[in-house]
Protein backbone atom coordinates (compact mmCIF):
# COMPACT_ATOMS: atom_id res chain seq x y z
CA UNK A 1 -3.00 -26.82 25.98
CA UNK A 2 -1.77 -29.47 23.64
CA UNK A 3 1.51 -29.21 21.81
CA UNK A 4 1.18 -28.24 18.18
CA UNK A 5 3.92 -28.21 15.60
CA UNK A 6 4.73 -24.89 13.92
CA UNK A 7 3.55 -26.43 10.64
CA UNK A 8 -0.01 -26.89 11.86
CA UNK A 9 -0.29 -23.68 13.88
CA UNK A 10 -2.15 -20.92 12.02
CA UNK A 11 -2.84 -17.27 12.78
CA UNK A 12 -6.35 -17.64 11.30
CA UNK A 13 -9.35 -17.33 13.61
CA UNK A 14 -13.00 -18.11 12.92
CA UNK A 15 -13.46 -14.39 12.09
CA UNK A 16 -10.56 -14.17 9.60
CA UNK A 17 -11.61 -12.83 6.20
CA UNK A 18 -9.23 -13.39 3.29
CA UNK A 19 -9.64 -11.19 0.23
CA UNK A 20 -10.56 -12.98 -2.97
CA UNK A 21 -7.90 -10.84 -4.69
CA UNK A 22 -5.13 -12.43 -2.58
CA UNK A 23 -3.60 -15.59 -4.02
CA UNK A 24 -3.54 -18.75 -1.91
CA UNK A 25 0.27 -18.70 -1.96
CA UNK A 26 0.44 -15.11 -0.66
CA UNK A 27 -2.12 -15.87 2.06
CA UNK A 28 -0.13 -18.95 3.07
CA UNK A 29 3.16 -16.99 3.24
CA UNK A 30 1.65 -14.18 5.33
CA UNK A 31 -0.04 -16.70 7.65
CA UNK A 32 3.22 -18.61 8.02
CA UNK A 33 5.12 -15.41 8.84
CA UNK A 34 2.57 -14.35 11.45
CA UNK A 35 2.57 -17.82 13.00
CA UNK A 36 6.36 -17.91 13.19
CA UNK A 37 6.66 -14.40 14.64
CA UNK A 38 4.01 -15.33 17.19
CA UNK A 39 5.87 -18.53 18.13
CA UNK A 40 9.46 -17.33 17.95
CA UNK A 41 9.44 -13.59 18.61
CA UNK A 42 11.38 -11.59 16.04
CA UNK A 43 13.03 -14.58 14.34
CA UNK A 44 11.94 -14.72 10.70
CA UNK A 45 11.87 -17.90 8.65
CA UNK A 46 15.41 -18.95 7.68
CA UNK A 47 15.00 -18.44 3.92
CA UNK A 48 14.39 -14.69 4.43
CA UNK A 49 17.23 -12.38 5.47
CA UNK A 50 14.85 -9.62 6.49
CA UNK A 51 11.23 -8.56 6.43
CA UNK A 52 11.91 -6.46 3.31
CA UNK A 53 12.99 -9.60 1.44
CA UNK A 54 9.68 -11.23 2.35
CA UNK A 55 7.62 -8.23 1.20
CA UNK A 56 9.09 -8.45 -2.30
CA UNK A 57 7.54 -11.90 -2.65
CA UNK A 58 4.03 -11.80 -1.24
CA UNK A 59 2.53 -8.43 -0.28
CA UNK A 60 0.21 -6.74 -2.77
CA UNK A 61 -2.35 -4.01 -2.24
CA UNK A 62 -5.95 -4.97 -2.99
CA UNK A 63 -6.74 -1.37 -4.03
CA UNK A 64 -4.66 -1.69 -7.20
CA UNK A 65 -1.79 0.48 -6.01
CA UNK A 66 1.66 -0.32 -4.70
CA UNK A 67 1.61 -1.60 -1.12
CA UNK A 68 3.13 0.97 1.26
CA UNK A 69 5.20 -1.67 3.04
CA UNK A 70 6.65 -2.88 -0.24
CA UNK A 71 7.53 0.71 -1.18
CA UNK A 72 9.25 1.08 2.20
CA UNK A 73 11.17 -2.16 1.62
CA UNK A 74 12.40 -0.91 -1.76
CA UNK A 75 13.40 2.41 -0.15
CA UNK A 76 15.39 0.50 2.48
CA UNK A 77 17.25 -1.61 -0.10
CA UNK A 78 18.02 1.33 -2.40
CA UNK A 79 19.17 3.41 0.59
CA UNK A 80 21.57 0.68 1.69
CA UNK A 81 22.97 0.33 -1.83
CA UNK A 82 23.38 4.10 -2.10
CA UNK A 83 25.09 4.37 1.31
CA UNK A 84 27.47 1.57 0.36
CA UNK A 85 28.84 3.75 -2.47
CA UNK A 86 30.47 6.02 0.14
CA UNK A 87 30.88 3.72 3.18
CA UNK A 88 33.42 0.93 2.85
CA UNK A 89 32.52 -2.71 3.37
CA UNK A 90 34.75 -2.76 6.46
CA UNK A 91 32.04 -0.83 8.35
CA UNK A 92 28.59 -2.16 9.16
CA UNK A 93 25.60 0.11 8.62
CA UNK A 94 22.86 0.50 11.22
CA UNK A 95 19.58 1.93 9.89
CA UNK A 96 18.61 4.44 12.58
CA UNK A 97 15.69 6.09 10.78
CA UNK A 98 13.66 5.48 7.63
CA UNK A 99 11.08 8.16 6.91
CA UNK A 100 8.54 7.74 4.10
CA UNK A 101 6.23 10.30 2.50
CA UNK A 102 3.41 8.89 0.39
CA UNK A 103 2.49 11.81 -1.88
CA UNK A 104 0.34 10.04 -4.44
CA UNK A 105 -0.64 6.50 -5.42
CA UNK A 106 1.12 4.54 -8.14
CA UNK A 107 -0.78 1.67 -9.73
CA UNK A 108 0.68 -1.76 -9.12
CA UNK A 109 1.59 -2.15 -12.80
CA UNK A 110 3.17 1.33 -13.16
CA UNK A 111 6.85 1.65 -13.97
CA UNK A 112 8.53 3.68 -11.26
CA UNK A 113 12.00 5.23 -11.40
CA UNK A 114 13.85 5.17 -8.08
CA UNK A 115 16.67 7.68 -7.57
CA UNK A 116 18.98 7.68 -4.55
CA UNK A 117 21.15 10.62 -3.47
CA UNK A 118 23.67 10.99 -0.66
CA UNK A 119 22.65 14.06 1.36
CA UNK A 120 25.44 13.86 3.92
CA UNK A 121 28.19 11.42 4.75
CA UNK A 122 30.70 11.77 7.55
CA UNK A 123 32.81 9.61 9.86
CA UNK A 124 29.87 8.07 11.70
CA UNK A 125 26.68 8.95 9.82
CA UNK A 126 25.28 8.84 6.27
CA UNK A 127 21.95 10.36 5.18
CA UNK A 128 20.29 9.22 1.94
CA UNK A 129 17.29 10.68 0.07
CA UNK A 130 15.23 8.48 -2.26
CA UNK A 131 12.69 9.72 -4.83
CA UNK A 132 10.11 7.51 -6.54
CA UNK A 133 8.80 8.98 -9.83
CA UNK A 134 6.39 7.59 -12.40
CA UNK A 135 8.39 6.76 -15.53
CA UNK A 136 5.89 8.20 -18.00
CA UNK A 137 5.00 11.52 -16.35
CA UNK A 138 8.01 11.98 -13.99
CA UNK A 139 5.43 12.71 -11.25
CA UNK A 140 6.89 12.39 -7.74
CA UNK A 141 4.83 9.76 -5.89
CA UNK A 142 6.93 8.77 -2.85
CA UNK A 143 9.98 10.17 -1.06
CA UNK A 144 12.15 8.65 1.61
CA UNK A 145 15.02 9.72 3.86
CA UNK A 146 17.25 7.19 5.60
CA UNK A 147 19.83 7.82 8.31
CA UNK A 148 22.58 5.23 8.71
CA UNK A 149 25.04 5.02 11.57
CA UNK A 150 28.45 3.51 10.81
CA UNK A 151 29.50 0.68 13.10
CA UNK A 152 31.81 0.60 14.93
CA UNK A 153 31.31 4.22 15.88
CA UNK A 154 34.31 6.46 15.19
CA UNK A 155 35.97 7.70 18.38
CA UNK A 156 35.76 11.44 18.89
């Protein structure tokens, strides 16, 4: 095995098929992510704070609808913002559960309204519900529930 730099290492194999609908830049970013995760475990490239930040930039669904992972990333970000309205900045939030329900497809160019609601907030836990509705018809297309644990944990 020869040593290869992380720049030249690729996750492509001879059997890799890349959709014609995927831009070269998006294919490069996904390949780079997979190569880095393969080489360095769970450490993401330095310019991305989290996987959800990466999904905003390069993941699109070839079927013409919103990519489920991108919807989940939006749900995560909105849930954090919503939880921060009731949990002070002095406490860190730990995302313990993120549950998604994909009720219907929304086209990738559809305008979607995202509404976050605090379901419960106590000393050590906050639960947030997120609804995704089509702007034109108000049709509910995705729902999400997130459970956050407050860190450090309050003593009982």
